[in-house]
Amino acid sequence: MTPANERPVRVGVFGLLGSGNLGNDGSLEAVLGYLRDRHPEAAVDALCGGPEAVTARYGIPATRLHWYRGEYRTASRAGAIVGKGLGKLVDVFRTASWVRGHDVVIVPGMGVLEATLPLRPWGFPYALFLLCASGRLSGTKVALVGVGAAPIGNRATRTLVRWSARLAAYRSYRDAPSRDAMRAMGVDTTRDEVHPDLAFSLPVPPASTPPDAPGRVCVGVMAFHGSDDDRARAEEIHRRYLDGTTRFVRTLVEEGRPVRLLTGDDVDATVVAAILDAVGSPLVTVAETASLADLMKETAGAEAVVATRYHNLICALKAGTPTLALSYAAKSEALMAQMGLGTYCHPAREVDADRLLEQFQELEKNSADLRRTLAEHNQDAVRHLDRQFTALTEALFPATADVHAPAHAPRETS
């Protein structure tokens, strides 16, 4: 408890939260769970993309990330262009004011230091830079916790990301390639640690599959158009991905297998609609998912999972279900390797339905062994994240570190 003569520590959380991406919100949920467990005295609020959704779901005050409401819409008219430009200036002062009102700001997970999907430098990378610069100037500790990073081709984006990382008071990564990418960008990562994705700290709910759906396969789809460097080929990449995934689903249906389509972001609805229309079978249904818990329920009740989105993969692996990744970035391959399923990856840019089916059949043949492997790796992930949260307390809340630290062996760096 906080003594009567002391104010509670003020903690802010920051990111594209409450904006329709289940993975981002799952990372927030994991950090809120850590704060409830180890720092229940903290006063928590958010600066985020969807403040209404965050407040409604998590019960914390939230402020809109950008002053200009049309930040992520393409600006084609003069008024919109002026609005965006003015918003960049206003956000300097809004962000600085919000940061000054906190003792600590946490950026929970997410791929905030990467551009594996199309990204404009003056969107989120600029917002992250403002956050970290404001923290350094005001003395507020900014922590990038369990974040993802990757090599970035665009010079402006790379510069903003590099300086954001340099200005942060604390950094940890969700995989070794992320730390390597930041080191290659000129960030001193000597003291930075690697731990499993924050979502591995979330509980697994019971499966939701009814007993009359044997052999169900969950297929996680994505509105995939390549990376930020693939803009010139975006439509070609998307068409190849959609065609290959549709063919794979159709083959499963022809074998009499029930298929459950999963998404991870609101933008994936167009892909779901295209597959439903092309396959046209009652064996293909769509999961209604509003959280990572919902995704875990679905994947826990499946015989196997084939998925693209990173947090679809995490949910399936966390649930202990044999999983094949349609990999669109190094983070997916690193995740699968971490969990002992490194051989079960297929390139999302060039989906070959025949080869994918062969890999899927191999996955199912080894299902029993893979479930045992996943059970072991999930136990390791929980232990690693316990050390992550202990390290976070020591770095950000040193006055309470001894009070809230659980009894376990000294933490290690992975």
Protein backbone atom coordinates (compact mmCIF):
# COMPACT_ATOMS: atom_id res chain seq x y z
CA MET A 1 0.00 0.00 0.00
CA THR A 2 1.02 3.61 -0.56
CA PRO A 3 1.63 5.55 2.68
CA ALA A 4 -0.95 8.27 3.37
CA ASN A 5 1.62 11.04 2.94
CA GLU A 6 2.85 9.79 -0.43
CA ARG A 7 1.12 10.00 -3.78
CA PRO A 8 0.85 6.79 -5.87
CA VAL A 9 3.40 6.26 -8.61
CA ARG A 10 1.97 7.52 -11.91
CA VAL A 11 2.34 5.03 -14.78
CA GLY A 12 1.38 5.72 -18.39
CA VAL A 13 1.00 3.14 -21.15
CA PHE A 14 1.51 4.19 -24.75
CA GLY A 15 0.84 2.76 -28.20
CA LEU A 16 -1.65 1.86 -30.90
CA LEU A 17 -3.92 0.33 -28.29
CA GLY A 18 -7.69 -0.05 -28.60
CA SER A 19 -7.43 0.41 -32.36
CA GLY A 20 -8.62 -3.03 -33.47
CA ASN A 21 -5.34 -4.98 -33.29
CA LEU A 22 -5.75 -7.85 -30.83
CA GLY A 23 -2.01 -8.43 -30.46
CA ASN A 24 -1.36 -4.86 -29.33
CA ASP A 25 -4.21 -5.05 -26.82
CA GLY A 26 -2.95 -8.40 -25.56
CA SER A 27 0.43 -6.85 -24.79
CA LEU A 28 -1.35 -4.09 -22.88
CA GLU A 29 -3.36 -6.68 -20.94
CA ALA A 30 -0.14 -8.47 -19.96
CA VAL A 31 1.45 -5.27 -18.65
CA LEU A 32 -1.70 -4.27 -16.77
CA GLY A 33 -1.64 -7.71 -15.15
CA TYR A 34 1.97 -7.16 -14.09
CA LEU A 35 1.10 -3.76 -12.61
CA ARG A 36 -1.89 -5.18 -10.72
CA ASP A 37 0.21 -8.01 -9.29
CA ARG A 38 3.39 -6.14 -8.36
CA HIS A 39 2.42 -2.47 -8.21
CA PRO A 40 -1.25 -2.31 -7.21
CA GLU A 41 -0.67 1.17 -5.79
CA ALA A 42 0.13 2.61 -9.24
CA ALA A 43 -2.22 5.11 -10.90
CA VAL A 44 -2.38 4.01 -14.55
CA ASP A 45 -3.63 5.79 -17.67
CA ALA A 46 -2.98 5.60 -21.42
CA LEU A 47 -2.05 7.69 -24.44
CA CYS A 48 -3.31 5.50 -27.26
CA GLY A 49 -5.00 5.06 -30.62
CA GLY A 50 -8.43 4.04 -29.32
CA PRO A 51 -8.97 5.73 -25.93
CA GLU A 52 -12.69 4.96 -25.72
CA ALA A 53 -12.10 1.24 -26.28
CA VAL A 54 -9.22 1.11 -23.78
CA THR A 55 -11.23 2.85 -21.06
CA ALA A 56 -14.32 0.71 -21.67
CA ARG A 57 -12.40 -2.55 -21.61
CA TYR A 58 -9.64 -1.98 -19.06
CA GLY A 59 -11.18 0.71 -16.86
CA ILE A 60 -8.26 3.15 -17.08
CA PRO A 61 -8.38 6.79 -18.21
CA ALA A 62 -7.11 7.24 -21.76
CA THR A 63 -6.18 10.12 -24.07
CA ARG A 64 -6.14 10.11 -27.86
CA LEU A 65 -2.65 9.58 -29.29
CA HIS A 66 -2.97 12.18 -32.07
CA TRP A 67 -4.59 15.59 -32.00
CA TYR A 68 -5.66 15.21 -35.66
CA ARG A 69 -8.40 12.59 -35.84
CA GLY A 70 -7.66 11.68 -39.47
CA GLU A 71 -4.02 10.80 -38.77
CA TYR A 72 -4.17 7.34 -40.37
CA ARG A 73 -6.33 8.29 -43.34
CA THR A 74 -4.66 9.25 -46.61
CA ALA A 75 -4.61 13.05 -46.91
CA SER A 76 -5.56 14.05 -50.46
CA ARG A 77 -7.35 17.35 -49.91
CA ALA A 78 -5.66 20.59 -48.91
CA GLY A 79 -7.58 20.77 -45.62
CA ALA A 80 -6.52 17.28 -44.62
CA ILE A 81 -2.89 17.96 -45.50
CA VAL A 82 -2.91 21.16 -43.43
CA GLY A 83 -4.66 19.31 -40.58
CA LYS A 84 -2.02 16.59 -40.54
CA GLY A 85 0.81 19.10 -40.62
CA LEU A 86 -0.69 21.15 -37.81
CA GLY A 87 -1.32 17.97 -35.85
CA LYS A 88 2.40 17.10 -35.93
CA LEU A 89 3.18 20.42 -34.26
CA VAL A 90 0.36 20.20 -31.71
CA ASP A 91 1.37 16.65 -30.80
CA VAL A 92 4.81 17.86 -29.72
CA PHE A 93 3.22 19.82 -26.88
CA ARG A 94 0.43 17.31 -26.15
CA THR A 95 2.90 14.43 -25.83
CA ALA A 96 5.36 16.40 -23.72
CA SER A 97 2.59 17.51 -21.36
CA TRP A 98 1.25 13.96 -20.97
CA VAL A 99 4.70 12.48 -20.34
CA ARG A 100 5.52 15.10 -17.67
CA GLY A 101 2.48 13.94 -15.72
CA HIS A 102 4.01 10.50 -15.12
CA ASP A 103 6.86 8.90 -13.24
CA VAL A 104 7.08 6.01 -15.69
CA VAL A 105 5.76 5.36 -19.20
CA ILE A 106 5.63 1.81 -20.56
CA VAL A 107 5.36 0.89 -24.24
CA PRO A 108 3.96 -2.66 -23.91
CA GLY A 109 5.30 -5.06 -26.52
CA MET A 110 4.16 -4.56 -30.12
CA GLY A 111 6.43 -4.19 -33.15
CA VAL A 112 7.17 -0.55 -32.41
CA LEU A 113 10.75 -0.69 -33.74
CA GLU A 114 10.02 -2.40 -37.04
CA ALA A 115 8.46 -1.72 -40.44
CA THR A 116 7.49 -5.26 -41.45
CA LEU A 117 4.12 -3.84 -42.51
CA PRO A 118 3.52 -0.63 -44.54
CA LEU A 119 4.37 2.34 -42.33
CA ARG A 120 4.83 6.08 -42.80
CA PRO A 121 7.66 7.72 -40.81
CA TRP A 122 5.50 10.64 -39.69
CA GLY A 123 2.84 8.36 -38.24
CA PHE A 124 3.65 6.09 -35.30
CA PRO A 125 7.49 6.31 -35.57
CA TYR A 126 7.21 10.09 -35.12
CA ALA A 127 4.82 9.65 -32.18
CA LEU A 128 7.21 7.19 -30.51
CA PHE A 129 10.13 9.57 -30.99
CA LEU A 130 8.14 12.40 -29.37
CA LEU A 131 7.39 10.11 -26.43
CA CYS A 132 11.00 9.05 -25.84
CA ALA A 133 12.41 12.55 -26.37
CA SER A 134 9.83 13.99 -23.95
CA GLY A 135 10.78 11.37 -21.39
CA ARG A 136 14.47 12.19 -21.64
CA LEU A 137 13.84 15.96 -21.37
CA SER A 138 11.39 15.72 -18.46
CA GLY A 139 13.13 12.98 -16.49
CA THR A 140 10.24 10.53 -16.90
CA LYS A 141 11.44 6.97 -17.44
CA VAL A 142 10.24 5.53 -20.76
CA ALA A 143 10.45 1.74 -21.05
CA LEU A 144 10.16 -0.24 -24.29
CA VAL A 145 9.13 -3.60 -22.85
CA GLY A 146 9.29 -6.80 -24.89
CA VAL A 147 9.13 -4.91 -28.18
CA GLY A 148 9.79 -6.13 -31.70
CA ALA A 149 12.40 -4.62 -34.02
CA ALA A 150 13.62 -5.33 -37.53
CA PRO A 151 15.92 -3.82 -40.18
CA ILE A 152 14.30 -0.73 -41.75
CA GLY A 153 14.99 0.46 -45.28
CA ASN A 154 13.36 3.89 -45.20
CA ARG A 155 15.94 6.38 -43.90
CA ALA A 156 13.51 8.70 -42.11
CA THR A 157 11.75 5.81 -40.36
CA ARG A 158 15.07 4.23 -39.42
CA THR A 159 16.36 7.50 -37.93
CA LEU A 160 13.23 8.05 -35.83
CA VAL A 161 13.27 4.45 -34.59
CA ARG A 162 16.97 4.54 -33.76
CA TRP A 163 16.68 7.74 -31.73
CA SER A 164 13.55 6.52 -29.98
CA ALA A 165 15.43 3.45 -28.79
CA ARG A 166 18.47 5.48 -27.75
CA LEU A 167 16.38 7.91 -25.71
CA ALA A 168 14.40 5.22 -23.85
CA ALA A 169 15.44 4.52 -20.27
CA TYR A 170 14.82 0.77 -20.57
CA ARG A 171 14.61 -1.67 -23.48
CA SER A 172 13.86 -5.36 -23.77
CA TYR A 173 12.95 -7.41 -26.84
CA ARG A 174 10.68 -10.31 -27.68
CA ASP A 175 13.35 -12.15 -29.70
CA ALA A 176 17.07 -12.10 -30.43
CA PRO A 177 16.70 -10.85 -34.05
CA SER A 178 15.01 -7.72 -32.66
CA ARG A 179 17.99 -6.95 -30.43
CA ASP A 180 20.35 -7.69 -33.32
CA ALA A 181 18.43 -5.29 -35.57
CA MET A 182 18.75 -2.44 -33.07
CA ARG A 183 22.44 -3.15 -32.59
CA ALA A 184 22.89 -2.97 -36.36
CA MET A 185 21.13 0.43 -36.34
CA GLY A 186 23.73 1.78 -33.93
CA VAL A 187 21.93 1.31 -30.60
CA ASP A 188 24.02 0.09 -27.66
CA THR A 189 22.20 -3.09 -26.66
CA THR A 190 24.78 -4.31 -24.13
CA ARG A 191 22.31 -4.15 -21.22
CA ASP A 192 19.19 -5.03 -23.22
CA GLU A 193 17.55 -8.38 -22.51
CA VAL A 194 15.52 -10.79 -24.61
CA HIS A 195 12.40 -12.49 -23.23
CA PRO A 196 9.38 -14.24 -24.78
CA ASP A 197 6.52 -12.11 -26.05
CA LEU A 198 4.47 -10.57 -23.23
CA ALA A 199 1.38 -12.47 -24.38
CA PHE A 200 2.91 -15.70 -23.07
CA SER A 201 2.18 -14.41 -19.56
CA LEU A 202 -1.58 -14.43 -20.22
CA PRO A 203 -3.70 -17.35 -18.95
CA VAL A 204 -5.10 -19.89 -21.41
CA PRO A 205 -8.91 -20.16 -21.22
CA PRO A 206 -10.67 -23.50 -21.80
CA ALA A 207 -11.28 -24.61 -25.39
CA SER A 208 -14.53 -23.55 -27.04
CA THR A 209 -14.75 -26.26 -29.70
CA PRO A 210 -17.97 -28.29 -29.42
CA PRO A 211 -17.65 -32.09 -29.40
CA ASP A 212 -19.39 -32.38 -32.78
CA ALA A 213 -16.54 -30.65 -34.66
CA PRO A 214 -13.75 -33.26 -34.83
CA GLY A 215 -10.76 -32.47 -37.00
CA ARG A 216 -11.25 -28.71 -36.92
CA VAL A 217 -8.43 -26.63 -38.39
CA CYS A 218 -8.03 -22.98 -37.47
CA VAL A 219 -6.67 -20.84 -40.31
CA GLY A 220 -5.54 -17.37 -39.27
CA VAL A 221 -5.68 -14.92 -42.17
CA MET A 222 -4.33 -11.43 -42.67
CA ALA A 223 -4.76 -8.46 -45.00
CA PHE A 224 -1.16 -9.04 -46.06
CA HIS A 225 0.43 -6.78 -48.69
CA GLY A 226 4.11 -7.21 -47.88
CA SER A 227 6.41 -4.97 -45.87
CA ASP A 228 7.06 -1.24 -45.99
CA ASP A 229 9.73 -1.91 -48.63
CA ASP A 230 7.25 -3.85 -50.82
CA ARG A 231 4.86 -1.01 -51.65
CA ALA A 232 5.49 -1.31 -55.41
CA ARG A 233 4.51 -5.00 -55.33
CA ALA A 234 1.84 -4.80 -52.66
CA GLU A 235 -1.12 -5.93 -54.79
CA GLU A 236 0.81 -8.76 -56.43
CA ILE A 237 1.94 -10.04 -53.02
CA HIS A 238 -1.59 -9.80 -51.63
CA ARG A 239 -3.11 -11.65 -54.58
CA ARG A 240 -0.58 -14.47 -54.33
CA TYR A 241 -1.15 -14.78 -50.59
CA LEU A 242 -4.92 -14.78 -50.92
CA ASP A 243 -4.97 -17.26 -53.82
CA GLY A 244 -2.67 -19.71 -52.07
CA THR A 245 -4.50 -19.50 -48.75
CA THR A 246 -7.87 -19.94 -50.46
CA ARG A 247 -6.65 -23.03 -52.29
CA PHE A 248 -5.40 -24.51 -49.04
CA VAL A 249 -8.74 -23.91 -47.29
CA ARG A 250 -10.64 -25.37 -50.25
CA THR A 251 -8.50 -28.54 -50.11
CA LEU A 252 -9.24 -28.99 -46.40
CA VAL A 253 -12.96 -28.60 -47.06
CA GLU A 254 -12.84 -31.14 -49.90
CA GLU A 255 -11.39 -33.59 -47.36
CA GLY A 256 -14.36 -32.90 -45.08
CA ARG A 257 -12.40 -30.87 -42.52
CA PRO A 258 -14.19 -28.05 -40.67
CA VAL A 259 -12.20 -24.80 -41.04
CA ARG A 260 -12.41 -21.91 -38.62
CA LEU A 261 -11.10 -18.59 -39.95
CA LEU A 262 -9.30 -16.35 -37.43
CA THR A 263 -8.28 -12.71 -37.68
CA GLY A 264 -6.19 -10.41 -35.52
CA ASP A 265 -7.10 -6.95 -36.77
CA ASP A 266 -10.24 -5.29 -38.09
CA VAL A 267 -8.62 -4.87 -41.54
CA ASP A 268 -8.56 -8.66 -42.02
CA ALA A 269 -12.31 -8.78 -42.66
CA THR A 270 -11.84 -8.32 -46.42
CA VAL A 271 -9.68 -11.46 -46.62
CA VAL A 272 -12.24 -13.46 -44.65
CA ALA A 273 -15.01 -12.31 -47.00
CA ALA A 274 -12.98 -13.24 -50.08
CA ILE A 275 -12.25 -16.76 -48.80
CA LEU A 276 -15.85 -17.39 -47.76
CA ASP A 277 -17.06 -16.29 -51.18
CA ALA A 278 -14.47 -18.35 -53.09
CA VAL A 279 -14.88 -21.60 -51.12
CA GLY A 280 -18.63 -21.38 -50.52
CA SER A 281 -18.95 -24.18 -47.97
CA PRO A 282 -20.77 -24.42 -44.64
CA LEU A 283 -17.66 -26.17 -43.31
CA VAL A 284 -15.91 -22.77 -43.31
CA THR A 285 -16.93 -20.56 -40.39
CA VAL A 286 -15.56 -17.37 -38.88
CA ALA A 287 -14.56 -16.97 -35.24
CA GLU A 288 -15.87 -13.93 -33.38
CA THR A 289 -12.79 -12.80 -31.48
CA ALA A 290 -12.39 -9.63 -29.45
CA SER A 291 -9.26 -10.54 -27.49
CA LEU A 292 -6.27 -12.85 -27.34
CA ALA A 293 -8.26 -14.90 -24.83
CA ASP A 294 -10.88 -15.50 -27.53
CA LEU A 295 -8.17 -16.52 -29.99
CA MET A 296 -6.65 -18.90 -27.45
CA LYS A 297 -10.05 -20.52 -26.89
CA GLU A 298 -10.41 -21.13 -30.60
CA THR A 299 -6.91 -22.49 -31.12
CA ALA A 300 -7.04 -24.65 -27.97
CA GLY A 301 -10.02 -26.49 -29.46
CA ALA A 302 -8.42 -27.12 -32.88
CA GLU A 303 -6.56 -30.17 -34.12
CA ALA A 304 -4.04 -27.87 -35.79
CA VAL A 305 -3.52 -24.22 -36.71
CA VAL A 306 -2.16 -22.49 -39.80
CA ALA A 307 -1.78 -18.75 -39.23
CA THR A 308 -0.16 -15.59 -40.51
CA ARG A 309 -0.52 -12.83 -37.91
CA TYR A 310 2.17 -12.93 -35.24
CA HIS A 311 -0.24 -12.98 -32.32
CA ASN A 312 -2.43 -15.61 -33.95
CA LEU A 313 0.69 -17.76 -33.84
CA ILE A 314 1.37 -16.87 -30.22
CA CYS A 315 -2.17 -17.78 -29.19
CA ALA A 316 -1.98 -21.15 -30.91
CA LEU A 317 1.46 -21.93 -29.48
CA LYS A 318 0.44 -20.77 -26.00
CA ALA A 319 -2.62 -23.04 -26.24
CA GLY A 320 -0.28 -25.96 -27.04
CA THR A 321 -1.80 -26.67 -30.46
CA PRO A 322 0.44 -27.86 -33.35
CA THR A 323 0.93 -24.79 -35.50
CA LEU A 324 2.26 -23.94 -38.95
CA ALA A 325 3.28 -20.33 -39.64
CA LEU A 326 2.63 -18.47 -42.85
CA SER A 327 5.66 -16.35 -42.14
CA TYR A 328 5.82 -12.74 -43.34
CA ALA A 329 8.80 -11.57 -41.24
CA ALA A 330 11.79 -12.84 -39.30
CA LYS A 331 9.83 -12.42 -36.06
CA SER A 332 7.51 -15.28 -37.04
CA GLU A 333 10.39 -17.60 -37.79
CA ALA A 334 12.15 -16.62 -34.56
CA LEU A 335 8.99 -17.31 -32.58
CA MET A 336 8.51 -20.73 -34.14
CA ALA A 337 12.14 -21.61 -33.46
CA GLN A 338 11.81 -20.46 -29.83
CA MET A 339 8.89 -22.85 -29.39
CA GLY A 340 10.58 -25.82 -31.05
CA LEU A 341 8.57 -25.70 -34.31
CA GLY A 342 11.13 -23.96 -36.50
CA THR A 343 10.67 -26.33 -39.43
CA TYR A 344 6.96 -25.54 -39.73
CA CYS A 345 7.17 -22.22 -41.58
CA HIS A 346 5.91 -21.32 -45.04
CA PRO A 347 6.54 -17.99 -46.82
CA ALA A 348 3.46 -15.74 -46.82
CA ARG A 349 4.78 -13.87 -49.86
CA GLU A 350 4.73 -17.00 -52.00
CA VAL A 351 2.09 -19.36 -50.67
CA ASP A 352 2.31 -22.67 -52.54
CA ALA A 353 -0.89 -24.52 -51.63
CA ASP A 354 0.53 -27.95 -52.56
CA ARG A 355 3.70 -27.50 -50.53
CA LEU A 356 1.70 -25.97 -47.67
CA LEU A 357 -0.54 -29.03 -47.61
CA GLU A 358 2.51 -31.33 -47.44
CA GLN A 359 3.89 -29.36 -44.48
CA PHE A 360 0.48 -29.43 -42.82
CA GLN A 361 0.23 -33.21 -43.18
CA GLU A 362 3.69 -33.56 -41.63
CA LEU A 363 2.59 -31.30 -38.78
CA GLU A 364 -0.45 -33.47 -38.05
CA LYS A 365 1.56 -36.68 -38.27
CA ASN A 366 3.85 -35.39 -35.50
CA SER A 367 1.03 -33.85 -33.48
CA ALA A 368 1.55 -35.77 -30.24
CA ASP A 369 5.27 -35.01 -30.06
CA LEU A 370 4.68 -31.35 -30.92
CA ARG A 371 2.13 -30.95 -28.13
CA ARG A 372 4.69 -32.23 -25.63
CA THR A 373 7.31 -29.88 -27.05
CA LEU A 374 4.98 -26.91 -26.75
CA ALA A 375 4.08 -27.77 -23.16
CA GLU A 376 7.77 -27.69 -22.20
CA HIS A 377 8.48 -24.44 -24.03
CA ASN A 378 5.43 -22.74 -22.56
CA GLN A 379 6.70 -23.50 -19.05
CA ASP A 380 10.06 -21.97 -19.99
CA ALA A 381 8.33 -18.88 -21.39
CA VAL A 382 6.45 -18.25 -18.15
CA ARG A 383 9.69 -18.48 -16.15
CA HIS A 384 11.47 -16.07 -18.50
CA LEU A 385 8.64 -13.55 -18.26
CA ASP A 386 8.75 -13.72 -14.49
CA ARG A 387 12.38 -12.59 -14.77
CA GLN A 388 11.34 -9.90 -17.28
CA PHE A 389 8.85 -8.42 -14.83
CA THR A 390 11.37 -8.56 -12.00
CA ALA A 391 13.92 -6.72 -14.15
CA LEU A 392 11.27 -4.14 -15.05
CA THR A 393 10.48 -3.48 -11.39
CA GLU A 394 14.18 -3.10 -10.57
CA ALA A 395 14.66 -0.63 -13.42
CA LEU A 396 11.50 1.46 -13.04
CA PHE A 397 10.35 1.03 -9.44
CA PRO A 398 13.57 0.56 -7.44
CA ALA A 399 11.95 1.68 -4.16
CA THR A 400 9.49 -1.22 -4.31
CA ALA A 401 11.66 -3.85 -5.99
CA ASP A 402 12.42 -5.74 -2.76
CA VAL A 403 8.81 -5.56 -1.60
CA HIS A 404 7.19 -6.95 -4.75
CA ALA A 405 9.87 -9.31 -6.12
CA PRO A 406 8.78 -12.97 -5.91
CA ALA A 407 11.12 -15.55 -4.44
CA HIS A 408 12.99 -17.24 -7.27
CA ALA A 409 16.48 -17.77 -8.58
CA PRO A 410 18.47 -14.75 -9.84
CA ARG A 411 17.27 -13.59 -13.26
CA GLU A 412 19.16 -14.57 -16.37
CA THR A 413 19.61 -13.02 -19.78
CA SER A 414 18.38 -15.17 -22.64
